[in-house]
Amino acid sequence: MIKFSVLYPYKKGAWFDSKYYSEHHIAPYRNDPLVKGIIVESGDYSRDFQNPPQYLCIAHFFYDSMEDLNLSRLPERVASQIKDNVNFTNITAVNLVSQIPYYNIAKLTSVRQE
């Protein structure tokens, strides 16, 4: 399994609209048959609860293979997504591609908070 992570690091003056991101920005990927799962994490606190979180948001997209990841994220699709960034953040995202050698999908559950 391949995990494509999009990380939005905290910086002074940064803003991030989690609701817009979850409801609109990632919508094209929810119905993509190549995407096996999506997890969006909101960075609300630092470990000591005294400082801002290191990341305001991290989104993980799961694929069966690198080929599926590349097909799902064709340049023309990514370009339209990048243009949408101004609607939810002023942060430049950092991407990370990881191989997942072990996972137990049976233990994952979907929780949606309104």
PDB file of N, CA and C in Angstrom:
ATOM      1  N   MET A   1       0.850  -1.178   0.000  1.00  0.00           N
ATOM      2  CA  MET A   1       0.000   0.000   0.000  1.00  0.00           C
ATOM      3  C   MET A   1       0.892   1.237   0.000  1.00  0.00           C
ATOM      4  N   ILE A   2       0.426   2.268  -0.695  1.00  0.00           N
ATOM      5  CA  ILE A   2       1.141   3.538  -0.789  1.00  0.00           C
ATOM      6  C   ILE A   2       0.298   4.617  -0.100  1.00  0.00           C
ATOM      7  N   LYS A   3       0.968   5.453   0.693  1.00  0.00           N
ATOM      8  CA  LYS A   3       0.279   6.568   1.349  1.00  0.00           C
ATOM      9  C   LYS A   3       0.867   7.868   0.816  1.00  0.00           C
ATOM     10  N   PHE A   4      -0.012   8.730   0.303  1.00  0.00           N
ATOM     11  CA  PHE A   4       0.377  10.057  -0.147  1.00  0.00           C
ATOM     12  C   PHE A   4      -0.125  11.043   0.899  1.00  0.00           C
ATOM     13  N   SER A   5       0.796  11.717   1.565  1.00  0.00           N
ATOM     14  CA  SER A   5       0.435  12.646   2.638  1.00  0.00           C
ATOM     15  C   SER A   5       0.647  14.081   2.176  1.00  0.00           C
ATOM     16  N   VAL A   6      -0.297  14.933   2.535  1.00  0.00           N
ATOM     17  CA  VAL A   6      -0.205  16.367   2.261  1.00  0.00           C
ATOM     18  C   VAL A   6      -0.174  17.050   3.620  1.00  0.00           C
ATOM     19  N   LEU A   7       0.943  17.704   3.931  1.00  0.00           N
ATOM     20  CA  LEU A   7       1.143  18.310   5.245  1.00  0.00           C
ATOM     21  C   LEU A   7       1.124  19.830   5.117  1.00  0.00           C
ATOM     22  N   TYR A   8       0.369  20.475   5.984  1.00  0.00           N
ATOM     23  CA  TYR A   8       0.266  21.927   6.013  1.00  0.00           C
ATOM     24  C   TYR A   8       0.911  22.422   7.301  1.00  0.00           C
ATOM     25  N   PRO A   9       2.209  22.790   7.242  1.00  0.00           N
ATOM     26  CA  PRO A   9       2.927  23.181   8.457  1.00  0.00           C
ATOM     27  C   PRO A   9       2.440  24.519   9.010  1.00  0.00           C
ATOM     28  N   TYR A  10       2.445  24.600  10.333  1.00  0.00           N
ATOM     29  CA  TYR A  10       2.086  25.849  10.998  1.00  0.00           C
ATOM     30  C   TYR A  10       3.180  26.886  10.749  1.00  0.00           C
ATOM     31  N   LYS A  11       2.764  28.119  10.566  1.00  0.00           N
ATOM     32  CA  LYS A  11       3.678  29.263  10.567  1.00  0.00           C
ATOM     33  C   LYS A  11       2.883  30.442  11.113  1.00  0.00           C
ATOM     34  N   LYS A  12       3.561  31.384  11.682  1.00  0.00           N
ATOM     35  CA  LYS A  12       2.893  32.547  12.244  1.00  0.00           C
ATOM     36  C   LYS A  12       2.093  33.237  11.137  1.00  0.00           C
ATOM     37  N   GLY A  13       0.850  33.549  11.417  1.00  0.00           N
ATOM     38  CA  GLY A  13      -0.027  34.187  10.445  1.00  0.00           C
ATOM     39  C   GLY A  13      -0.731  33.208   9.521  1.00  0.00           C
ATOM     40  N   ALA A  14      -0.471  31.918   9.702  1.00  0.00           N
ATOM     41  CA  ALA A  14      -1.104  30.907   8.854  1.00  0.00           C
ATOM     42  C   ALA A  14      -2.570  30.724   9.236  1.00  0.00           C
ATOM     43  N   TRP A  15      -3.377  30.388   8.247  1.00  0.00           N
ATOM     44  CA  TRP A  15      -4.777  30.041   8.505  1.00  0.00           C
ATOM     45  C   TRP A  15      -5.145  28.837   7.669  1.00  0.00           C
ATOM     46  N   PHE A  16      -6.111  28.087   8.156  1.00  0.00           N
ATOM     47  CA  PHE A  16      -6.551  26.867   7.487  1.00  0.00           C
ATOM     48  C   PHE A  16      -8.013  26.640   7.800  1.00  0.00           C
ATOM     49  N   ASP A  17      -8.846  26.511   6.777  1.00  0.00           N
ATOM     50  CA  ASP A  17     -10.282  26.262   6.929  1.00  0.00           C
ATOM     51  C   ASP A  17     -10.528  24.758   6.776  1.00  0.00           C
ATOM     52  N   SER A  18     -10.556  24.056   7.899  1.00  0.00           N
ATOM     53  CA  SER A  18     -10.699  22.596   7.887  1.00  0.00           C
ATOM     54  C   SER A  18     -12.033  22.152   7.296  1.00  0.00           C
ATOM     55  N   LYS A  19     -13.076  22.898   7.572  1.00  0.00           N
ATOM     56  CA  LYS A  19     -14.398  22.524   7.056  1.00  0.00           C
ATOM     57  C   LYS A  19     -14.412  22.580   5.529  1.00  0.00           C
ATOM     58  N   TYR A  20     -13.905  23.673   4.947  1.00  0.00           N
ATOM     59  CA  TYR A  20     -13.853  23.782   3.487  1.00  0.00           C
ATOM     60  C   TYR A  20     -12.992  22.654   2.913  1.00  0.00           C
ATOM     61  N   TYR A  21     -11.844  22.423   3.530  1.00  0.00           N
ATOM     62  CA  TYR A  21     -10.939  21.396   3.043  1.00  0.00           C
ATOM     63  C   TYR A  21     -11.626  20.034   3.008  1.00  0.00           C
ATOM     64  N   SER A  22     -12.272  19.677   4.116  1.00  0.00           N
ATOM     65  CA  SER A  22     -12.907  18.363   4.231  1.00  0.00           C
ATOM     66  C   SER A  22     -14.144  18.218   3.353  1.00  0.00           C
ATOM     67  N   GLU A  23     -14.913  19.283   3.223  1.00  0.00           N
ATOM     68  CA  GLU A  23     -16.172  19.190   2.488  1.00  0.00           C
ATOM     69  C   GLU A  23     -16.031  19.463   0.994  1.00  0.00           C
ATOM     70  N   HIS A  24     -15.055  20.288   0.592  1.00  0.00           N
ATOM     71  CA  HIS A  24     -14.961  20.686  -0.810  1.00  0.00           C
ATOM     72  C   HIS A  24     -13.647  20.300  -1.484  1.00  0.00           C
ATOM     73  N   HIS A  25     -12.535  20.640  -0.872  1.00  0.00           N
ATOM     74  CA  HIS A  25     -11.253  20.479  -1.551  1.00  0.00           C
ATOM     75  C   HIS A  25     -10.933  19.022  -1.877  1.00  0.00           C
ATOM     76  N   ILE A  26     -11.150  18.124  -0.950  1.00  0.00           N
ATOM     77  CA  ILE A  26     -10.801  16.721  -1.207  1.00  0.00           C
ATOM     78  C   ILE A  26     -11.951  15.934  -1.833  1.00  0.00           C
ATOM     79  N   ALA A  27     -13.080  16.587  -2.089  1.00  0.00           N
ATOM     80  CA  ALA A  27     -14.251  15.911  -2.665  1.00  0.00           C
ATOM     81  C   ALA A  27     -13.935  15.114  -3.935  1.00  0.00           C
ATOM     82  N   PRO A  28     -13.125  15.642  -4.863  1.00  0.00           N
ATOM     83  CA  PRO A  28     -12.849  14.852  -6.074  1.00  0.00           C
ATOM     84  C   PRO A  28     -12.192  13.502  -5.790  1.00  0.00           C
ATOM     85  N   TYR A  29     -11.494  13.392  -4.682  1.00  0.00           N
ATOM     86  CA  TYR A  29     -10.808  12.146  -4.370  1.00  0.00           C
ATOM     87  C   TYR A  29     -11.693  11.146  -3.625  1.00  0.00           C
ATOM     88  N   ARG A  30     -12.777  11.622  -3.032  1.00  0.00           N
ATOM     89  CA  ARG A  30     -13.665  10.705  -2.302  1.00  0.00           C
ATOM     90  C   ARG A  30     -14.303   9.668  -3.220  1.00  0.00           C
ATOM     91  N   ASN A  31     -14.593  10.065  -4.454  1.00  0.00           N
ATOM     92  CA  ASN A  31     -15.235   9.157  -5.401  1.00  0.00           C
ATOM     93  C   ASN A  31     -14.260   8.545  -6.395  1.00  0.00           C
ATOM     94  N   ASP A  32     -12.977   8.782  -6.207  1.00  0.00           N
ATOM     95  CA  ASP A  32     -11.958   8.228  -7.082  1.00  0.00           C
ATOM     96  C   ASP A  32     -11.767   6.747  -6.728  1.00  0.00           C
ATOM     97  N   PRO A  33     -12.048   5.840  -7.659  1.00  0.00           N
ATOM     98  CA  PRO A  33     -11.919   4.411  -7.337  1.00  0.00           C
ATOM     99  C   PRO A  33     -10.481   3.975  -7.041  1.00  0.00           C
ATOM    100  N   LEU A  34      -9.510   4.785  -7.429  1.00  0.00           N
ATOM    101  CA  LEU A  34      -8.112   4.454  -7.146  1.00  0.00           C
ATOM    102  C   LEU A  34      -7.724   4.769  -5.706  1.00  0.00           C
ATOM    103  N   VAL A  35      -8.481   5.648  -5.055  1.00  0.00           N
ATOM    104  CA  VAL A  35      -8.207   6.021  -3.662  1.00  0.00           C
ATOM    105  C   VAL A  35      -8.891   5.003  -2.758  1.00  0.00           C
ATOM    106  N   LYS A  36      -8.097   4.307  -1.972  1.00  0.00           N
ATOM    107  CA  LYS A  36      -8.628   3.264  -1.089  1.00  0.00           C
ATOM    108  C   LYS A  36      -9.090   3.798   0.256  1.00  0.00           C
ATOM    109  N   GLY A  37      -8.638   4.987   0.608  1.00  0.00           N
ATOM    110  CA  GLY A  37      -9.056   5.601   1.866  1.00  0.00           C
ATOM    111  C   GLY A  37      -8.429   6.968   2.008  1.00  0.00           C
ATOM    112  N   ILE A  38      -9.069   7.802   2.817  1.00  0.00           N
ATOM    113  CA  ILE A  38      -8.578   9.149   3.098  1.00  0.00           C
ATOM    114  C   ILE A  38      -8.715   9.392   4.593  1.00  0.00           C
ATOM    115  N   ILE A  39      -7.679   9.946   5.179  1.00  0.00           N
ATOM    116  CA  ILE A  39      -7.730  10.376   6.582  1.00  0.00           C
ATOM    117  C   ILE A  39      -7.289  11.831   6.610  1.00  0.00           C
ATOM    118  N   VAL A  40      -8.094  12.680   7.228  1.00  0.00           N
ATOM    119  CA  VAL A  40      -7.740  14.086   7.401  1.00  0.00           C
ATOM    120  C   VAL A  40      -7.592  14.339   8.890  1.00  0.00           C
ATOM    121  N   GLU A  41      -6.437  14.875   9.279  1.00  0.00           N
ATOM    122  CA  GLU A  41      -6.152  15.171  10.677  1.00  0.00           C
ATOM    123  C   GLU A  41      -6.038  16.675  10.849  1.00  0.00           C
ATOM    124  N   SER A  42      -6.711  17.197  11.840  1.00  0.00           N
ATOM    125  CA  SER A  42      -6.629  18.616  12.158  1.00  0.00           C
ATOM    126  C   SER A  42      -5.662  18.798  13.315  1.00  0.00           C
ATOM    127  N   GLY A  43      -4.638  19.627  13.103  1.00  0.00           N
ATOM    128  CA  GLY A  43      -3.647  19.876  14.150  1.00  0.00           C
ATOM    129  C   GLY A  43      -4.141  20.973  15.074  1.00  0.00           C
ATOM    130  N   ASP A  44      -4.766  20.591  16.152  1.00  0.00           N
ATOM    131  CA  ASP A  44      -5.359  21.562  17.058  1.00  0.00           C
ATOM    132  C   ASP A  44      -4.445  21.958  18.217  1.00  0.00           C
ATOM    133  N   TYR A  45      -3.542  21.070  18.597  1.00  0.00           N
ATOM    134  CA  TYR A  45      -2.725  21.327  19.786  1.00  0.00           C
ATOM    135  C   TYR A  45      -1.303  20.855  19.571  1.00  0.00           C
ATOM    136  N   SER A  46      -0.388  21.425  20.320  1.00  0.00           N
ATOM    137  CA  SER A  46       0.968  20.889  20.393  1.00  0.00           C
ATOM    138  C   SER A  46       0.984  19.872  21.530  1.00  0.00           C
ATOM    139  N   ARG A  47       2.057  19.169  21.638  1.00  0.00           N
ATOM    140  CA  ARG A  47       2.158  18.152  22.693  1.00  0.00           C
ATOM    141  C   ARG A  47       2.036  18.762  24.089  1.00  0.00           C
ATOM    142  N   ASP A  48       2.582  19.958  24.269  1.00  0.00           N
ATOM    143  CA  ASP A  48       2.540  20.585  25.592  1.00  0.00           C
ATOM    144  C   ASP A  48       1.305  21.475  25.795  1.00  0.00           C
ATOM    145  N   PHE A  49       0.451  21.577  24.808  1.00  0.00           N
ATOM    146  CA  PHE A  49      -0.763  22.398  24.850  1.00  0.00           C
ATOM    147  C   PHE A  49      -0.477  23.880  25.077  1.00  0.00           C
ATOM    148  N   GLN A  50       0.780  24.278  24.969  1.00  0.00           N
ATOM    149  CA  GLN A  50       1.170  25.669  25.192  1.00  0.00           C
ATOM    150  C   GLN A  50       1.526  26.378  23.892  1.00  0.00           C
ATOM    151  N   ASN A  51       1.892  25.634  22.906  1.00  0.00           N
ATOM    152  CA  ASN A  51       2.370  26.185  21.640  1.00  0.00           C
ATOM    153  C   ASN A  51       1.471  25.732  20.498  1.00  0.00           C
ATOM    154  N   PRO A  52       1.554  26.399  19.367  1.00  0.00           N
ATOM    155  CA  PRO A  52       0.769  25.967  18.205  1.00  0.00           C
ATOM    156  C   PRO A  52       1.203  24.578  17.746  1.00  0.00           C
ATOM    157  N   PRO A  53       0.339  23.862  17.052  1.00  0.00           N
ATOM    158  CA  PRO A  53       0.728  22.545  16.531  1.00  0.00           C
ATOM    159  C   PRO A  53       1.782  22.700  15.441  1.00  0.00           C
ATOM    160  N   GLN A  54       2.539  21.661  15.203  1.00  0.00           N
ATOM    161  CA  GLN A  54       3.544  21.697  14.149  1.00  0.00           C
ATOM    162  C   GLN A  54       2.881  21.760  12.769  1.00  0.00           C
ATOM    163  N   TYR A  55       1.727  21.120  12.646  1.00  0.00           N
ATOM    164  CA  TYR A  55       0.971  21.122  11.393  1.00  0.00           C
ATOM    165  C   TYR A  55      -0.469  21.501  11.688  1.00  0.00           C
ATOM    166  N   LEU A  56      -1.066  22.330  10.821  1.00  0.00           N
ATOM    167  CA  LEU A  56      -2.477  22.689  10.982  1.00  0.00           C
ATOM    168  C   LEU A  56      -3.381  21.610  10.408  1.00  0.00           C
ATOM    169  N   CYS A  57      -2.858  20.876   9.430  1.00  0.00           N
ATOM    170  CA  CYS A  57      -3.623  19.779   8.840  1.00  0.00           C
ATOM    171  C   CYS A  57      -2.655  18.816   8.178  1.00  0.00           C
ATOM    172  N   ILE A  58      -3.011  17.534   8.248  1.00  0.00           N
ATOM    173  CA  ILE A  58      -2.317  16.510   7.490  1.00  0.00           C
ATOM    174  C   ILE A  58      -3.395  15.627   6.876  1.00  0.00           C
ATOM    175  N   ALA A  59      -3.318  15.440   5.577  1.00  0.00           N
ATOM    176  CA  ALA A  59      -4.262  14.551   4.884  1.00  0.00           C
ATOM    177  C   ALA A  59      -3.477  13.381   4.299  1.00  0.00           C
ATOM    178  N   HIS A  60      -4.043  12.184   4.443  1.00  0.00           N
ATOM    179  CA  HIS A  60      -3.413  10.967   3.933  1.00  0.00           C
ATOM    180  C   HIS A  60      -4.357  10.321   2.917  1.00  0.00           C
ATOM    181  N   PHE A  61      -3.822   9.991   1.760  1.00  0.00           N
ATOM    182  CA  PHE A  61      -4.568   9.325   0.701  1.00  0.00           C
ATOM    183  C   PHE A  61      -3.892   7.978   0.453  1.00  0.00           C
ATOM    184  N   PHE A  62      -4.667   6.911   0.467  1.00  0.00           N
ATOM    185  CA  PHE A  62      -4.120   5.562   0.368  1.00  0.00           C
ATOM    186  C   PHE A  62      -4.409   4.954  -1.006  1.00  0.00           C
ATOM    187  N   TYR A  63      -3.374   4.318  -1.581  1.00  0.00           N
ATOM    188  CA  TYR A  63      -3.455   3.713  -2.901  1.00  0.00           C
ATOM    189  C   TYR A  63      -2.849   2.315  -2.854  1.00  0.00           C
ATOM    190  N   ASP A  64      -3.282   1.461  -3.780  1.00  0.00           N
ATOM    191  CA  ASP A  64      -2.703   0.121  -3.860  1.00  0.00           C
ATOM    192  C   ASP A  64      -1.291   0.127  -4.420  1.00  0.00           C
ATOM    193  N   SER A  65      -0.978   1.105  -5.283  1.00  0.00           N
ATOM    194  CA  SER A  65       0.332   1.117  -5.940  1.00  0.00           C
ATOM    195  C   SER A  65       0.727   2.536  -6.337  1.00  0.00           C
ATOM    196  N   MET A  66       1.996   2.709  -6.682  1.00  0.00           N
ATOM    197  CA  MET A  66       2.473   3.996  -7.192  1.00  0.00           C
ATOM    198  C   MET A  66       1.789   4.328  -8.514  1.00  0.00           C
ATOM    199  N   GLU A  67       1.517   3.319  -9.320  1.00  0.00           N
ATOM    200  CA  GLU A  67       0.816   3.546 -10.584  1.00  0.00           C
ATOM    201  C   GLU A  67      -0.568   4.161 -10.323  1.00  0.00           C
ATOM    202  N   ASP A  68      -1.286   3.631  -9.348  1.00  0.00           N
ATOM    203  CA  ASP A  68      -2.602   4.191  -9.011  1.00  0.00           C
ATOM    204  C   ASP A  68      -2.480   5.619  -8.491  1.00  0.00           C
ATOM    205  N   LEU A  69      -1.484   5.874  -7.662  1.00  0.00           N
ATOM    206  CA  LEU A  69      -1.249   7.236  -7.163  1.00  0.00           C
ATOM    207  C   LEU A  69      -1.008   8.186  -8.334  1.00  0.00           C
ATOM    208  N   ASN A  70      -0.140   7.811  -9.252  1.00  0.00           N
ATOM    209  CA  ASN A  70       0.171   8.669 -10.393  1.00  0.00           C
ATOM    210  C   ASN A  70      -1.032   8.889 -11.301  1.00  0.00           C
ATOM    211  N   LEU A  71      -1.841   7.865 -11.496  1.00  0.00           N
ATOM    212  CA  LEU A  71      -3.047   8.012 -12.319  1.00  0.00           C
ATOM    213  C   LEU A  71      -4.077   8.911 -11.634  1.00  0.00           C
ATOM    214  N   SER A  72      -4.193   8.778 -10.336  1.00  0.00           N
ATOM    215  CA  SER A  72      -5.155   9.574  -9.573  1.00  0.00           C
ATOM    216  C   SER A  72      -4.761  11.042  -9.525  1.00  0.00           C
ATOM    217  N   ARG A  73      -3.478  11.299  -9.550  1.00  0.00           N
ATOM    218  CA  ARG A  73      -2.970  12.661  -9.406  1.00  0.00           C
ATOM    219  C   ARG A  73      -2.298  13.145 -10.690  1.00  0.00           C
ATOM    220  N   LEU A  74      -3.035  13.032 -11.778  1.00  0.00           N
ATOM    221  CA  LEU A  74      -2.549  13.529 -13.065  1.00  0.00           C
ATOM    222  C   LEU A  74      -2.327  15.037 -12.986  1.00  0.00           C
ATOM    223  N   PRO A  75      -1.352  15.558 -13.723  1.00  0.00           N
ATOM    224  CA  PRO A  75      -1.017  16.988 -13.640  1.00  0.00           C
ATOM    225  C   PRO A  75      -2.208  17.931 -13.814  1.00  0.00           C
ATOM    226  N   GLU A  76      -3.116  17.649 -14.745  1.00  0.00           N
ATOM    227  CA  GLU A  76      -4.259  18.546 -14.944  1.00  0.00           C
ATOM    228  C   GLU A  76      -5.208  18.539 -13.742  1.00  0.00           C
ATOM    229  N   ARG A  77      -5.318  17.439 -13.077  1.00  0.00           N
ATOM    230  CA  ARG A  77      -6.166  17.358 -11.885  1.00  0.00           C
ATOM    231  C   ARG A  77      -5.514  18.098 -10.724  1.00  0.00           C
ATOM    232  N   VAL A  78      -4.234  17.876 -10.539  1.00  0.00           N
ATOM    233  CA  VAL A  78      -3.494  18.530  -9.460  1.00  0.00           C
ATOM    234  C   VAL A  78      -3.491  20.049  -9.655  1.00  0.00           C
ATOM    235  N   ALA A  79      -3.375  20.502 -10.899  1.00  0.00           N
ATOM    236  CA  ALA A  79      -3.361  21.942 -11.173  1.00  0.00           C
ATOM    237  C   ALA A  79      -4.647  22.607 -10.703  1.00  0.00           C
ATOM    238  N   SER A  80      -5.791  21.984 -10.939  1.00  0.00           N
ATOM    239  CA  SER A  80      -7.056  22.577 -10.490  1.00  0.00           C
ATOM    240  C   SER A  80      -7.162  22.553  -8.966  1.00  0.00           C
ATOM    241  N   GLN A  81      -6.600  21.530  -8.339  1.00  0.00           N
ATOM    242  CA  GLN A  81      -6.598  21.460  -6.881  1.00  0.00           C
ATOM    243  C   GLN A  81      -5.719  22.559  -6.288  1.00  0.00           C
ATOM    244  N   ILE A  82      -4.575  22.801  -6.892  1.00  0.00           N
ATOM    245  CA  ILE A  82      -3.664  23.839  -6.398  1.00  0.00           C
ATOM    246  C   ILE A  82      -4.323  25.214  -6.485  1.00  0.00           C
ATOM    247  N   LYS A  83      -5.053  25.461  -7.555  1.00  0.00           N
ATOM    248  CA  LYS A  83      -5.762  26.740  -7.702  1.00  0.00           C
ATOM    249  C   LYS A  83      -6.801  26.940  -6.599  1.00  0.00           C
ATOM    250  N   ASP A  84      -7.342  25.847  -6.085  1.00  0.00           N
ATOM    251  CA  ASP A  84      -8.365  25.913  -5.031  1.00  0.00           C
ATOM    252  C   ASP A  84      -7.768  26.233  -3.663  1.00  0.00           C
ATOM    253  N   ASN A  85      -6.455  26.095  -3.503  1.00  0.00           N
ATOM    254  CA  ASN A  85      -5.816  26.294  -2.194  1.00  0.00           C
ATOM    255  C   ASN A  85      -6.161  27.635  -1.559  1.00  0.00           C
ATOM    256  N   VAL A  86      -6.287  28.693  -2.346  1.00  0.00           N
ATOM    257  CA  VAL A  86      -6.571  30.025  -1.789  1.00  0.00           C
ATOM    258  C   VAL A  86      -7.909  30.073  -1.061  1.00  0.00           C
ATOM    259  N   ASN A  87      -8.770  29.090  -1.299  1.00  0.00           N
ATOM    260  CA  ASN A  87     -10.076  29.055  -0.647  1.00  0.00           C
ATOM    261  C   ASN A  87     -10.036  28.496   0.776  1.00  0.00           C
ATOM    262  N   PHE A  88      -8.916  27.849   1.150  1.00  0.00           N
ATOM    263  CA  PHE A  88      -8.877  27.261   2.489  1.00  0.00           C
ATOM    264  C   PHE A  88      -7.584  27.509   3.261  1.00  0.00           C
ATOM    265  N   THR A  89      -6.528  28.045   2.620  1.00  0.00           N
ATOM    266  CA  THR A  89      -5.280  28.248   3.366  1.00  0.00           C
ATOM    267  C   THR A  89      -4.335  29.220   2.672  1.00  0.00           C
ATOM    268  N   ASN A  90      -3.395  29.717   3.435  1.00  0.00           N
ATOM    269  CA  ASN A  90      -2.292  30.506   2.883  1.00  0.00           C
ATOM    270  C   ASN A  90      -0.958  29.768   3.081  1.00  0.00           C
ATOM    271  N   ILE A  91      -1.037  28.472   3.332  1.00  0.00           N
ATOM    272  CA  ILE A  91       0.131  27.634   3.599  1.00  0.00           C
ATOM    273  C   ILE A  91       0.531  26.871   2.337  1.00  0.00           C
ATOM    274  N   THR A  92       1.824  26.788   2.081  1.00  0.00           N
ATOM    275  CA  THR A  92       2.331  25.928   1.011  1.00  0.00           C
ATOM    276  C   THR A  92       2.503  24.531   1.591  1.00  0.00           C
ATOM    277  N   ALA A  93       1.815  23.573   1.001  1.00  0.00           N
ATOM    278  CA  ALA A  93       1.841  22.201   1.506  1.00  0.00           C
ATOM    279  C   ALA A  93       3.153  21.501   1.173  1.00  0.00           C
ATOM    280  N   VAL A  94       3.462  20.507   1.991  1.00  0.00           N
ATOM    281  CA  VAL A  94       4.600  19.619   1.789  1.00  0.00           C
ATOM    282  C   VAL A  94       4.019  18.230   1.552  1.00  0.00           C
ATOM    283  N   ASN A  95       4.561  17.492   0.593  1.00  0.00           N
ATOM    284  CA  ASN A  95       4.056  16.155   0.282  1.00  0.00           C
ATOM    285  C   ASN A  95       5.048  15.086   0.701  1.00  0.00           C
ATOM    286  N   LEU A  96       4.514  13.936   1.056  1.00  0.00           N
ATOM    287  CA  LEU A  96       5.328  12.789   1.435  1.00  0.00           C
ATOM    288  C   LEU A  96       4.672  11.534   0.877  1.00  0.00           C
ATOM    289  N   VAL A  97       5.460  10.696   0.192  1.00  0.00           N
ATOM    290  CA  VAL A  97       4.969   9.409  -0.291  1.00  0.00           C
ATOM    291  C   VAL A  97       5.632   8.328   0.548  1.00  0.00           C
ATOM    292  N   SER A  98       4.810   7.429   1.089  1.00  0.00           N
ATOM    293  CA  SER A  98       5.310   6.377   1.975  1.00  0.00           C
ATOM    294  C   SER A  98       4.797   5.016   1.527  1.00  0.00           C
ATOM    295  N   GLN A  99       5.593   3.995   1.778  1.00  0.00           N
ATOM    296  CA  GLN A  99       5.121   2.629   1.610  1.00  0.00           C
ATOM    297  C   GLN A  99       4.631   2.138   2.964  1.00  0.00           C
ATOM    298  N   ILE A 100       3.506   1.474   2.960  1.00  0.00           N
ATOM    299  CA  ILE A 100       2.928   0.933   4.190  1.00  0.00           C
ATOM    300  C   ILE A 100       3.085  -0.592   4.135  1.00  0.00           C
ATOM    301  N   PRO A 101       4.073  -1.145   4.846  1.00  0.00           N
ATOM    302  CA  PRO A 101       4.289  -2.583   4.779  1.00  0.00           C
ATOM    303  C   PRO A 101       3.262  -3.399   5.574  1.00  0.00           C
ATOM    304  N   TYR A 102       2.595  -2.758   6.536  1.00  0.00           N
ATOM    305  CA  TYR A 102       1.605  -3.467   7.347  1.00  0.00           C
ATOM    306  C   TYR A 102       0.459  -2.522   7.671  1.00  0.00           C
ATOM    307  N   TYR A 103      -0.731  -3.010   7.581  1.00  0.00           N
ATOM    308  CA  TYR A 103      -1.898  -2.259   8.023  1.00  0.00           C
ATOM    309  C   TYR A 103      -3.013  -3.242   8.355  1.00  0.00           C
ATOM    310  N   ASN A 104      -3.914  -2.820   9.217  1.00  0.00           N
ATOM    311  CA  ASN A 104      -5.068  -3.627   9.592  1.00  0.00           C
ATOM    312  C   ASN A 104      -6.296  -2.770   9.364  1.00  0.00           C
ATOM    313  N   ILE A 105      -6.836  -2.834   8.180  1.00  0.00           N
ATOM    314  CA  ILE A 105      -7.961  -1.984   7.794  1.00  0.00           C
ATOM    315  C   ILE A 105      -9.201  -2.279   8.639  1.00  0.00           C
ATOM    316  N   ALA A 106      -9.301  -3.471   9.194  1.00  0.00           N
ATOM    317  CA  ALA A 106     -10.468  -3.825   9.995  1.00  0.00           C
ATOM    318  C   ALA A 106     -10.575  -2.971  11.256  1.00  0.00           C
ATOM    319  N   LYS A 107      -9.467  -2.426  11.720  1.00  0.00           N
ATOM    320  CA  LYS A 107      -9.487  -1.626  12.942  1.00  0.00           C
ATOM    321  C   LYS A 107      -9.777  -0.157  12.691  1.00  0.00           C
ATOM    322  N   LEU A 108      -9.788   0.265  11.413  1.00  0.00           N
ATOM    323  CA  LEU A 108     -10.095   1.657  11.104  1.00  0.00           C
ATOM    324  C   LEU A 108     -11.599   1.855  11.045  1.00  0.00           C
ATOM    325  N   THR A 109     -12.063   2.942  11.607  1.00  0.00           N
ATOM    326  CA  THR A 109     -13.484   3.259  11.521  1.00  0.00           C
ATOM    327  C   THR A 109     -13.614   4.701  11.046  1.00  0.00           C
ATOM    328  N   SER A 110     -14.753   4.995  10.503  1.00  0.00           N
ATOM    329  CA  SER A 110     -15.003   6.337   9.998  1.00  0.00           C
ATOM    330  C   SER A 110     -15.754   7.139  11.054  1.00  0.00           C
ATOM    331  N   VAL A 111     -15.211   8.281  11.390  1.00  0.00           N
ATOM    332  CA  VAL A 111     -15.854   9.188  12.343  1.00  0.00           C
ATOM    333  C   VAL A 111     -15.952  10.535  11.671  1.00  0.00           C
ATOM    334  N   ARG A 112     -17.140  11.052  11.549  1.00  0.00           N
ATOM    335  CA  ARG A 112     -17.333  12.355  10.930  1.00  0.00           C
ATOM    336  C   ARG A 112     -17.911  13.292  11.963  1.00  0.00           C
ATOM    337  N   GLN A 113     -17.193  14.377  12.221  1.00  0.00           N
ATOM    338  CA  GLN A 113     -17.669  15.376  13.163  1.00  0.00           C
ATOM    339  C   GLN A 113     -18.210  16.550  12.378  1.00  0.00           C
ATOM    340  N   GLU A 114     -19.358  16.985  12.737  1.00  0.00           N
ATOM    341  CA  GLU A 114     -19.988  18.138  12.060  1.00  0.00           C
ATOM    342  C   GLU A 114     -19.609  19.410  12.758  1.00  0.00           C
TER     343      GLU A 114
END
